[in-house]
Amino acid sequence: MVNLLIGIHAALGEVGVIAFLWVFVELLNPNLKRVKRAKQAAFIGVLFLFLSWLVGGYYYVNFYGASVKPIIKEGPMPWAHDIFMEVKEHVFLFLPFLSLMALGLIKKYEKDIIKGWDARKAVLLISLLIVLIGMMMAGMGYIISSGARAALEAGA
């Protein structure tokens, strides 16, 4: 069950991040049809990032904190938790709200995104930030999982 939750958490987050890559690409050269698709992609991204947040929180509260964290901290890579999990816990909190802001901007400034650069630039930058932070989350998750595997192999 625990590995399944980690996989679901990661997959939901990755789909959410990919949705904002889709938003970014649609808005590079926007027209009415592309802005509509960007809105749909942003909605998908918001939904999946919030679901990832909920699944990850459930996993952390019910499994990670009680059983996985102590194993990592006693193993050969305690910094996997001390640095990367601590960063991940705090930085990830921004992703669902950044995604909600991007969706709101697309909805509110739909015509301005097509006509002008300022509104489009704001959504492009937020979407790119979501993608970059999401990629960092995936990398940190890998390091944390490696810390758990290393501890189990070392017999911690």
Protein backbone atom coordinates (compact mmCIF):
# COMPACT_ATOMS: atom_id res chain seq x y z
CA MET A 1 0.00 0.00 0.00
CA VAL A 2 2.74 2.47 0.89
CA ASN A 3 4.57 2.11 -2.44
CA LEU A 4 1.28 2.47 -4.25
CA LEU A 5 0.60 5.80 -2.51
CA ILE A 6 4.06 7.09 -3.42
CA GLY A 7 3.48 6.11 -7.05
CA ILE A 8 0.04 7.73 -7.11
CA HIS A 9 1.43 10.89 -5.48
CA ALA A 10 4.27 11.11 -8.00
CA ALA A 11 2.08 10.31 -11.02
CA LEU A 12 -0.53 12.91 -10.06
CA GLY A 13 2.17 15.52 -9.58
CA GLU A 14 3.83 14.70 -12.88
CA VAL A 15 0.55 14.97 -14.79
CA GLY A 16 -0.09 18.32 -13.10
CA VAL A 17 3.35 19.59 -14.07
CA ILE A 18 3.02 18.33 -17.65
CA ALA A 19 -0.32 20.14 -17.88
CA PHE A 20 1.48 23.41 -17.13
CA LEU A 21 4.10 22.62 -19.74
CA TRP A 22 1.12 22.29 -22.08
CA VAL A 23 -0.16 25.71 -20.90
CA PHE A 24 3.27 27.20 -21.60
CA VAL A 25 3.40 25.81 -25.13
CA GLU A 26 -0.17 26.90 -25.96
CA LEU A 27 0.53 30.46 -24.88
CA LEU A 28 3.77 30.90 -26.80
CA ASN A 29 1.71 31.93 -29.85
CA PRO A 30 -1.84 32.41 -28.52
CA ASN A 31 -5.12 32.64 -30.34
CA LEU A 32 -8.64 32.05 -29.05
CA LYS A 33 -8.48 28.28 -29.59
CA ARG A 34 -5.07 27.97 -27.90
CA VAL A 35 -6.12 30.06 -24.91
CA LYS A 36 -9.16 27.81 -24.51
CA ARG A 37 -6.90 24.74 -24.54
CA ALA A 38 -4.53 26.47 -22.09
CA LYS A 39 -7.46 27.04 -19.75
CA GLN A 40 -8.39 23.37 -19.95
CA ALA A 41 -4.80 22.29 -19.38
CA ALA A 42 -4.48 24.67 -16.42
CA PHE A 43 -7.66 23.24 -14.90
CA ILE A 44 -6.25 19.72 -15.29
CA GLY A 45 -2.97 20.89 -13.76
CA VAL A 46 -4.72 22.48 -10.77
CA LEU A 47 -6.81 19.37 -10.18
CA PHE A 48 -3.87 16.97 -10.37
CA LEU A 49 -1.53 19.11 -8.25
CA PHE A 50 -4.15 19.41 -5.49
CA LEU A 51 -4.80 15.64 -5.68
CA SER A 52 -1.05 14.99 -5.48
CA TRP A 53 -0.87 17.29 -2.47
CA LEU A 54 -3.67 15.38 -0.72
CA VAL A 55 -2.27 11.92 -1.47
CA GLY A 56 1.25 13.01 -0.47
CA GLY A 57 -0.06 14.51 2.76
CA TYR A 58 -2.00 11.36 3.58
CA TYR A 59 1.10 9.24 2.93
CA TYR A 60 3.31 11.54 5.03
CA VAL A 61 0.96 11.61 8.02
CA ASN A 62 0.07 7.91 8.00
CA PHE A 63 3.27 6.21 6.84
CA TYR A 64 6.33 8.35 6.20
CA GLY A 65 6.59 10.20 9.52
CA ALA A 66 6.11 7.12 11.66
CA SER A 67 8.03 4.45 9.79
CA VAL A 68 10.05 5.72 6.79
CA LYS A 69 11.56 8.90 8.25
CA PRO A 70 13.26 7.10 11.17
CA ILE A 71 14.72 4.50 8.78
CA ILE A 72 16.19 7.20 6.54
CA LYS A 73 17.57 9.18 9.49
CA GLU A 74 19.30 6.06 10.89
CA GLY A 75 20.68 5.00 7.51
CA PRO A 76 23.74 6.07 5.51
CA MET A 77 21.91 9.03 3.89
CA PRO A 78 20.19 10.94 6.72
CA TRP A 79 20.62 14.15 4.73
CA ALA A 80 18.06 12.76 2.25
CA HIS A 81 15.44 13.61 4.85
CA ASP A 82 17.20 16.44 6.67
CA ILE A 83 17.73 18.50 3.53
CA PHE A 84 15.58 17.26 0.67
CA MET A 85 12.40 16.22 2.48
CA GLU A 86 12.42 19.42 4.52
CA VAL A 87 12.77 21.51 1.36
CA LYS A 88 10.18 19.41 -0.48
CA GLU A 89 7.65 19.75 2.34
CA HIS A 90 7.77 23.54 2.21
CA VAL A 91 8.33 24.29 -1.47
CA PHE A 92 5.62 21.90 -2.66
CA LEU A 93 3.03 23.95 -0.78
CA PHE A 94 3.39 26.66 -3.42
CA LEU A 95 2.58 24.51 -6.45
CA PRO A 96 -1.20 24.12 -6.05
CA PHE A 97 -1.58 27.83 -5.31
CA LEU A 98 0.67 28.93 -8.18
CA SER A 99 -1.37 26.69 -10.45
CA LEU A 100 -4.61 28.21 -9.19
CA MET A 101 -3.19 31.68 -9.82
CA ALA A 102 -2.19 30.73 -13.38
CA LEU A 103 -5.68 29.39 -14.07
CA GLY A 104 -7.25 32.53 -12.64
CA LEU A 105 -5.03 34.77 -14.76
CA ILE A 106 -5.90 32.85 -17.92
CA LYS A 107 -9.61 33.12 -17.17
CA LYS A 108 -9.52 36.80 -16.22
CA TYR A 109 -7.16 38.04 -18.93
CA GLU A 110 -8.10 35.75 -21.81
CA LYS A 111 -8.41 38.57 -24.36
CA ASP A 112 -5.32 40.39 -23.07
CA ILE A 113 -3.28 37.20 -23.41
CA ILE A 114 -4.17 37.09 -27.10
CA LYS A 115 -3.62 40.81 -27.77
CA GLY A 116 -0.75 41.79 -25.49
CA TRP A 117 2.47 40.64 -23.98
CA ASP A 118 2.13 41.55 -20.27
CA ALA A 119 -0.66 39.15 -19.27
CA ARG A 120 0.78 36.42 -21.47
CA LYS A 121 4.26 36.90 -20.02
CA ALA A 122 2.88 36.57 -16.47
CA VAL A 123 1.15 33.27 -17.24
CA LEU A 124 4.16 31.98 -19.18
CA LEU A 125 6.50 32.74 -16.28
CA ILE A 126 4.19 31.20 -13.67
CA SER A 127 3.71 28.10 -15.84
CA LEU A 128 7.45 27.76 -16.33
CA LEU A 129 8.00 28.18 -12.58
CA ILE A 130 5.45 25.42 -11.90
CA VAL A 131 7.25 23.11 -14.34
CA LEU A 132 10.69 23.84 -12.84
CA ILE A 133 9.52 23.40 -9.24
CA GLY A 134 7.68 20.22 -10.24
CA MET A 135 10.84 18.80 -11.80
CA MET A 136 12.73 19.66 -8.61
CA MET A 137 10.06 17.84 -6.58
CA ALA A 138 10.50 14.71 -8.69
CA GLY A 139 14.27 14.83 -8.27
CA MET A 140 14.01 15.34 -4.53
CA GLY A 141 11.52 12.47 -4.27
CA TYR A 142 14.03 10.23 -6.01
CA ILE A 143 16.78 11.24 -3.55
CA ILE A 144 14.49 10.64 -0.57
CA SER A 145 13.48 7.21 -1.91
CA SER A 146 17.16 6.44 -2.48
CA GLY A 147 17.83 7.31 1.15
CA ALA A 148 15.14 4.86 2.26
CA ARG A 149 16.46 2.11 -0.03
CA ALA A 150 20.05 2.70 1.14
CA ALA A 151 18.95 2.46 4.76
CA LEU A 152 17.07 -0.78 4.15
CA GLU A 153 20.04 -2.27 2.30
CA ALA A 154 22.35 -1.24 5.17
CA GLY A 155 20.00 -2.95 7.61
CA ALA A 156 18.85 0.18 9.45
